[in-house]
């Protein structure tokens, strides 16, 4: 399943790394591409979207 999430408060590569680590903690096999210019994170995972969003929120970011 591919998720495309807009994360308005993702400002830099460190933010993207934090989000990537949060998702990888749920699904180590997930593929994550974060674009800090567009604020979009694309995630290929088998983890349910609600769980992915919850992990990102727990990391301190708010997916729109």
PDB file of N, CA and C in Angstrom:
ATOM      1  N   UNK A   1       0.851  -1.168   0.000  1.00  0.00           N
ATOM      2  CA  UNK A   1       0.000   0.000   0.000  1.00  0.00           C
ATOM      3  C   UNK A   1       0.897   1.231   0.000  1.00  0.00           C
ATOM      4  N   UNK A   2       0.542   2.210  -0.821  1.00  0.00           N
ATOM      5  CA  UNK A   2       1.296   3.453  -0.879  1.00  0.00           C
ATOM      6  C   UNK A   2       0.485   4.566  -0.243  1.00  0.00           C
ATOM      7  N   UNK A   3       1.106   5.244   0.717  1.00  0.00           N
ATOM      8  CA  UNK A   3       0.488   6.390   1.374  1.00  0.00           C
ATOM      9  C   UNK A   3       1.213   7.647   0.935  1.00  0.00           C
ATOM     10  N   UNK A   4       0.477   8.708   0.724  1.00  0.00           N
ATOM     11  CA  UNK A   4       1.070  10.003   0.419  1.00  0.00           C
ATOM     12  C   UNK A   4       0.501  10.990   1.423  1.00  0.00           C
ATOM     13  N   UNK A   5       1.346  11.417   2.358  1.00  0.00           N
ATOM     14  CA  UNK A   5       0.893  12.271   3.450  1.00  0.00           C
ATOM     15  C   UNK A   5       1.553  13.640   3.375  1.00  0.00           C
ATOM     16  N   UNK A   6       0.763  14.691   3.529  1.00  0.00           N
ATOM     17  CA  UNK A   6       1.303  16.042   3.625  1.00  0.00           C
ATOM     18  C   UNK A   6       1.564  16.328   5.095  1.00  0.00           C
ATOM     19  N   UNK A   7       2.774  16.784   5.383  1.00  0.00           N
ATOM     20  CA  UNK A   7       3.159  17.074   6.768  1.00  0.00           C
ATOM     21  C   UNK A   7       3.684  18.518   6.797  1.00  0.00           C
ATOM     22  N   UNK A   8       2.775  19.476   7.051  1.00  0.00           N
ATOM     23  CA  UNK A   8       3.128  20.901   6.963  1.00  0.00           C
ATOM     24  C   UNK A   8       4.286  21.326   7.860  1.00  0.00           C
ATOM     25  N   UNK A   9       4.468  20.665   9.008  1.00  0.00           N
ATOM     26  CA  UNK A   9       5.535  21.080   9.915  1.00  0.00           C
ATOM     27  C   UNK A   9       6.852  20.328   9.702  1.00  0.00           C
ATOM     28  N   UNK A  10       7.005  19.635   8.571  1.00  0.00           N
ATOM     29  CA  UNK A  10       8.275  18.993   8.214  1.00  0.00           C
ATOM     30  C   UNK A  10       9.118  20.046   7.495  1.00  0.00           C
ATOM     31  N   UNK A  11      10.101  20.586   8.202  1.00  0.00           N
ATOM     32  CA  UNK A  11      10.831  21.742   7.675  1.00  0.00           C
ATOM     33  C   UNK A  11      12.205  21.419   7.073  1.00  0.00           C
ATOM     34  N   UNK A  12      12.826  20.321   7.494  1.00  0.00           N
ATOM     35  CA  UNK A  12      14.205  20.089   7.073  1.00  0.00           C
ATOM     36  C   UNK A  12      14.497  18.591   6.977  1.00  0.00           C
ATOM     37  N   UNK A  13      15.717  18.277   6.598  1.00  0.00           N
ATOM     38  CA  UNK A  13      16.080  16.862   6.459  1.00  0.00           C
ATOM     39  C   UNK A  13      16.087  16.146   7.804  1.00  0.00           C
ATOM     40  N   UNK A  14      16.375  16.858   8.882  1.00  0.00           N
ATOM     41  CA  UNK A  14      16.325  16.230  10.210  1.00  0.00           C
ATOM     42  C   UNK A  14      14.892  15.834  10.547  1.00  0.00           C
ATOM     43  N   UNK A  15      13.929  16.676  10.173  1.00  0.00           N
ATOM     44  CA  UNK A  15      12.516  16.344  10.365  1.00  0.00           C
ATOM     45  C   UNK A  15      12.170  15.087   9.565  1.00  0.00           C
ATOM     46  N   UNK A  16      12.597  15.063   8.318  1.00  0.00           N
ATOM     47  CA  UNK A  16      12.335  13.912   7.451  1.00  0.00           C
ATOM     48  C   UNK A  16      12.951  12.648   8.035  1.00  0.00           C
ATOM     49  N   UNK A  17      14.157  12.755   8.601  1.00  0.00           N
ATOM     50  CA  UNK A  17      14.814  11.596   9.210  1.00  0.00           C
ATOM     51  C   UNK A  17      14.030  11.090  10.422  1.00  0.00           C
ATOM     52  N   UNK A  18      13.518  12.030  11.229  1.00  0.00           N
ATOM     53  CA  UNK A  18      12.732  11.647  12.406  1.00  0.00           C
ATOM     54  C   UNK A  18      11.467  10.906  11.989  1.00  0.00           C
ATOM     55  N   UNK A  19      10.800  11.416  10.961  1.00  0.00           N
ATOM     56  CA  UNK A  19       9.582  10.777  10.454  1.00  0.00           C
ATOM     57  C   UNK A  19       9.911   9.401   9.889  1.00  0.00           C
ATOM     58  N   UNK A  20      11.002   9.313   9.144  1.00  0.00           N
ATOM     59  CA  UNK A  20      11.430   8.030   8.569  1.00  0.00           C
ATOM     60  C   UNK A  20      11.687   7.010   9.670  1.00  0.00           C
ATOM     61  N   UNK A  21      12.385   7.411  10.724  1.00  0.00           N
ATOM     62  CA  UNK A  21      12.681   6.497  11.828  1.00  0.00           C
ATOM     63  C   UNK A  21      11.399   6.040  12.523  1.00  0.00           C
ATOM     64  N   UNK A  22      10.428   6.946  12.663  1.00  0.00           N
ATOM     65  CA  UNK A  22       9.158   6.587  13.311  1.00  0.00           C
ATOM     66  C   UNK A  22       8.419   5.522  12.503  1.00  0.00           C
ATOM     67  N   UNK A  23       8.417   5.684  11.181  1.00  0.00           N
ATOM     68  CA  UNK A  23       7.733   4.710  10.323  1.00  0.00           C
ATOM     69  C   UNK A  23       8.503   3.393  10.299  1.00  0.00           C
ATOM     70  N   UNK A  24       9.815   3.463  10.222  1.00  0.00           N
ATOM     71  CA  UNK A  24      10.647   2.247  10.189  1.00  0.00           C
ATOM     72  C   UNK A  24      10.510   1.442  11.478  1.00  0.00           C
ATOM     73  N   UNK A  25      10.202   2.106  12.597  1.00  0.00           N
ATOM     74  CA  UNK A  25       9.997   1.399  13.858  1.00  0.00           C
ATOM     75  C   UNK A  25       8.764   0.494  13.769  1.00  0.00           C
ATOM     76  N   UNK A  26       7.787   0.898  12.961  1.00  0.00           N
ATOM     77  CA  UNK A  26       6.587   0.088  12.752  1.00  0.00           C
ATOM     78  C   UNK A  26       6.816  -0.990  11.702  1.00  0.00           C
ATOM     79  N   UNK A  27       7.491  -0.608  10.619  1.00  0.00           N
ATOM     80  CA  UNK A  27       7.684  -1.506   9.475  1.00  0.00           C
ATOM     81  C   UNK A  27       9.091  -1.301   8.925  1.00  0.00           C
ATOM     82  N   UNK A  28       9.999  -2.154   9.338  1.00  0.00           N
ATOM     83  CA  UNK A  28      11.401  -2.015   8.926  1.00  0.00           C
ATOM     84  C   UNK A  28      11.579  -2.128   7.418  1.00  0.00           C
ATOM     85  N   UNK A  29      10.625  -2.762   6.738  1.00  0.00           N
ATOM     86  CA  UNK A  29      10.720  -2.940   5.292  1.00  0.00           C
ATOM     87  C   UNK A  29      10.075  -1.798   4.511  1.00  0.00           C
ATOM     88  N   UNK A  30       9.534  -0.816   5.205  1.00  0.00           N
ATOM     89  CA  UNK A  30       8.860   0.291   4.530  1.00  0.00           C
ATOM     90  C   UNK A  30       9.846   1.092   3.685  1.00  0.00           C
ATOM     91  N   UNK A  31       9.341   1.606   2.565  1.00  0.00           N
ATOM     92  CA  UNK A  31      10.111   2.496   1.712  1.00  0.00           C
ATOM     93  C   UNK A  31       9.526   3.892   1.898  1.00  0.00           C
ATOM     94  N   UNK A  32      10.384   4.848   2.235  1.00  0.00           N
ATOM     95  CA  UNK A  32       9.917   6.194   2.560  1.00  0.00           C
ATOM     96  C   UNK A  32      10.686   7.210   1.735  1.00  0.00           C
ATOM     97  N   UNK A  33       9.938   8.130   1.115  1.00  0.00           N
ATOM     98  CA  UNK A  33      10.549   9.243   0.381  1.00  0.00           C
ATOM     99  C   UNK A  33       9.921  10.521   0.910  1.00  0.00           C
ATOM    100  N   UNK A  34      10.751  11.405   1.464  1.00  0.00           N
ATOM    101  CA  UNK A  34      10.261  12.655   2.030  1.00  0.00           C
ATOM    102  C   UNK A  34      10.790  13.831   1.216  1.00  0.00           C
ATOM    103  N   UNK A  35       9.892  14.740   0.850  1.00  0.00           N
ATOM    104  CA  UNK A  35      10.271  15.936   0.103  1.00  0.00           C
ATOM    105  C   UNK A  35       9.974  17.139   0.988  1.00  0.00           C
ATOM    106  N   UNK A  36      11.030  17.781   1.503  1.00  0.00           N
ATOM    107  CA  UNK A  36      10.836  18.911   2.414  1.00  0.00           C
ATOM    108  C   UNK A  36      10.339  20.161   1.692  1.00  0.00           C
ATOM    109  N   UNK A  37      10.516  20.231   0.382  1.00  0.00           N
ATOM    110  CA  UNK A  37      10.018  21.383  -0.378  1.00  0.00           C
ATOM    111  C   UNK A  37       8.495  21.343  -0.511  1.00  0.00           C
ATOM    112  N   UNK A  38       7.963  20.173  -0.824  1.00  0.00           N
ATOM    113  CA  UNK A  38       6.512  20.034  -1.002  1.00  0.00           C
ATOM    114  C   UNK A  38       5.807  19.603   0.281  1.00  0.00           C
ATOM    115  N   UNK A  39       6.599  19.209   1.303  1.00  0.00           N
ATOM    116  CA  UNK A  39       6.065  18.738   2.591  1.00  0.00           C
ATOM    117  C   UNK A  39       5.301  17.419   2.459  1.00  0.00           C
ATOM    118  N   UNK A  40       5.627  16.629   1.441  1.00  0.00           N
ATOM    119  CA  UNK A  40       4.938  15.367   1.198  1.00  0.00           C
ATOM    120  C   UNK A  40       5.873  14.192   1.509  1.00  0.00           C
ATOM    121  N   UNK A  41       5.328  13.220   2.239  1.00  0.00           N
ATOM    122  CA  UNK A  41       6.051  11.986   2.514  1.00  0.00           C
ATOM    123  C   UNK A  41       5.277  10.855   1.834  1.00  0.00           C
ATOM    124  N   UNK A  42       5.982  10.096   1.007  1.00  0.00           N
ATOM    125  CA  UNK A  42       5.386   8.944   0.340  1.00  0.00           C
ATOM    126  C   UNK A  42       5.937   7.697   1.008  1.00  0.00           C
ATOM    127  N   UNK A  43       5.018   6.824   1.436  1.00  0.00           N
ATOM    128  CA  UNK A  43       5.406   5.640   2.202  1.00  0.00           C
ATOM    129  C   UNK A  43       4.798   4.395   1.550  1.00  0.00           C
ATOM    130  N   UNK A  44       5.654   3.426   1.272  1.00  0.00           N
ATOM    131  CA  UNK A  44       5.202   2.119   0.779  1.00  0.00           C
ATOM    132  C   UNK A  44       5.315   1.163   1.957  1.00  0.00           C
ATOM    133  N   UNK A  45       4.165   0.692   2.448  1.00  0.00           N
ATOM    134  CA  UNK A  45       4.148  -0.138   3.651  1.00  0.00           C
ATOM    135  C   UNK A  45       2.926  -1.045   3.667  1.00  0.00           C
ATOM    136  N   UNK A  46       2.998  -2.070   4.489  1.00  0.00           N
ATOM    137  CA  UNK A  46       1.842  -2.937   4.718  1.00  0.00           C
ATOM    138  C   UNK A  46       1.141  -2.573   6.025  1.00  0.00           C
ATOM    139  N   UNK A  47       1.678  -1.595   6.740  1.00  0.00           N
ATOM    140  CA  UNK A  47       1.102  -1.148   8.003  1.00  0.00           C
ATOM    141  C   UNK A  47      -0.118  -0.275   7.726  1.00  0.00           C
ATOM    142  N   UNK A  48      -1.194  -0.431   8.494  1.00  0.00           N
ATOM    143  CA  UNK A  48      -2.389   0.399   8.272  1.00  0.00           C
ATOM    144  C   UNK A  48      -2.088   1.897   8.386  1.00  0.00           C
ATOM    145  N   UNK A  49      -2.785   2.681   7.567  1.00  0.00           N
ATOM    146  CA  UNK A  49      -2.552   4.126   7.532  1.00  0.00           C
ATOM    147  C   UNK A  49      -2.712   4.764   8.907  1.00  0.00           C
ATOM    148  N   UNK A  50      -3.696   4.362   9.671  1.00  0.00           N
ATOM    149  CA  UNK A  50      -3.929   4.952  10.989  1.00  0.00           C
ATOM    150  C   UNK A  50      -2.720   4.743  11.902  1.00  0.00           C
ATOM    151  N   UNK A  51      -2.095   3.574  11.825  1.00  0.00           N
ATOM    152  CA  UNK A  51      -0.920   3.289  12.655  1.00  0.00           C
ATOM    153  C   UNK A  51       0.273   4.133  12.227  1.00  0.00           C
ATOM    154  N   UNK A  52       0.435   4.312  10.917  1.00  0.00           N
ATOM    155  CA  UNK A  52       1.531   5.135  10.394  1.00  0.00           C
ATOM    156  C   UNK A  52       1.344   6.581  10.853  1.00  0.00           C
ATOM    157  N   UNK A  53       0.122   7.093  10.707  1.00  0.00           N
ATOM    158  CA  UNK A  53      -0.154   8.470  11.138  1.00  0.00           C
ATOM    159  C   UNK A  53       0.080   8.630  12.641  1.00  0.00           C
ATOM    160  N   UNK A  54      -0.333   7.638  13.430  1.00  0.00           N
ATOM    161  CA  UNK A  54      -0.140   7.705  14.879  1.00  0.00           C
ATOM    162  C   UNK A  54       1.346   7.754  15.227  1.00  0.00           C
ATOM    163  N   UNK A  55       2.167   7.000  14.512  1.00  0.00           N
ATOM    164  CA  UNK A  55       3.610   7.002  14.762  1.00  0.00           C
ATOM    165  C   UNK A  55       4.219   8.355  14.418  1.00  0.00           C
ATOM    166  N   UNK A  56       3.740   8.968  13.343  1.00  0.00           N
ATOM    167  CA  UNK A  56       4.248  10.282  12.940  1.00  0.00           C
ATOM    168  C   UNK A  56       3.834  11.339  13.964  1.00  0.00           C
ATOM    169  N   UNK A  57       2.605  11.263  14.449  1.00  0.00           N
ATOM    170  CA  UNK A  57       2.141  12.194  15.489  1.00  0.00           C
ATOM    171  C   UNK A  57       2.970  12.004  16.762  1.00  0.00           C
ATOM    172  N   UNK A  58       3.229  10.753  17.129  1.00  0.00           N
ATOM    173  CA  UNK A  58       4.043  10.470  18.329  1.00  0.00           C
ATOM    174  C   UNK A  58       5.460  11.028  18.194  1.00  0.00           C
ATOM    175  N   UNK A  59       5.936  11.141  16.945  1.00  0.00           N
ATOM    176  CA  UNK A  59       7.270  11.694  16.698  1.00  0.00           C
ATOM    177  C   UNK A  59       7.267  13.225  16.722  1.00  0.00           C
ATOM    178  N   UNK A  60       6.062  13.819  16.836  1.00  0.00           N
ATOM    179  CA  UNK A  60       5.981  15.270  16.973  1.00  0.00           C
ATOM    180  C   UNK A  60       5.521  16.017  15.735  1.00  0.00           C
ATOM    181  N   UNK A  61       4.978  15.312  14.749  1.00  0.00           N
ATOM    182  CA  UNK A  61       4.546  15.942  13.504  1.00  0.00           C
ATOM    183  C   UNK A  61       3.069  15.676  13.272  1.00  0.00           C
ATOM    184  N   UNK A  62       2.440  16.545  12.504  1.00  0.00           N
ATOM    185  CA  UNK A  62       0.994  16.459  12.296  1.00  0.00           C
ATOM    186  C   UNK A  62       0.643  16.265  10.832  1.00  0.00           C
ATOM    187  N   UNK A  63       0.430  15.013  10.412  1.00  0.00           N
ATOM    188  CA  UNK A  63       0.038  14.779   9.009  1.00  0.00           C
ATOM    189  C   UNK A  63      -1.336  15.388   8.742  1.00  0.00           C
ATOM    190  N   UNK A  64      -1.435  16.082   7.622  1.00  0.00           N
ATOM    191  CA  UNK A  64      -2.700  16.728   7.270  1.00  0.00           C
ATOM    192  C   UNK A  64      -3.613  15.754   6.554  1.00  0.00           C
TER     193      UNK A  64
END
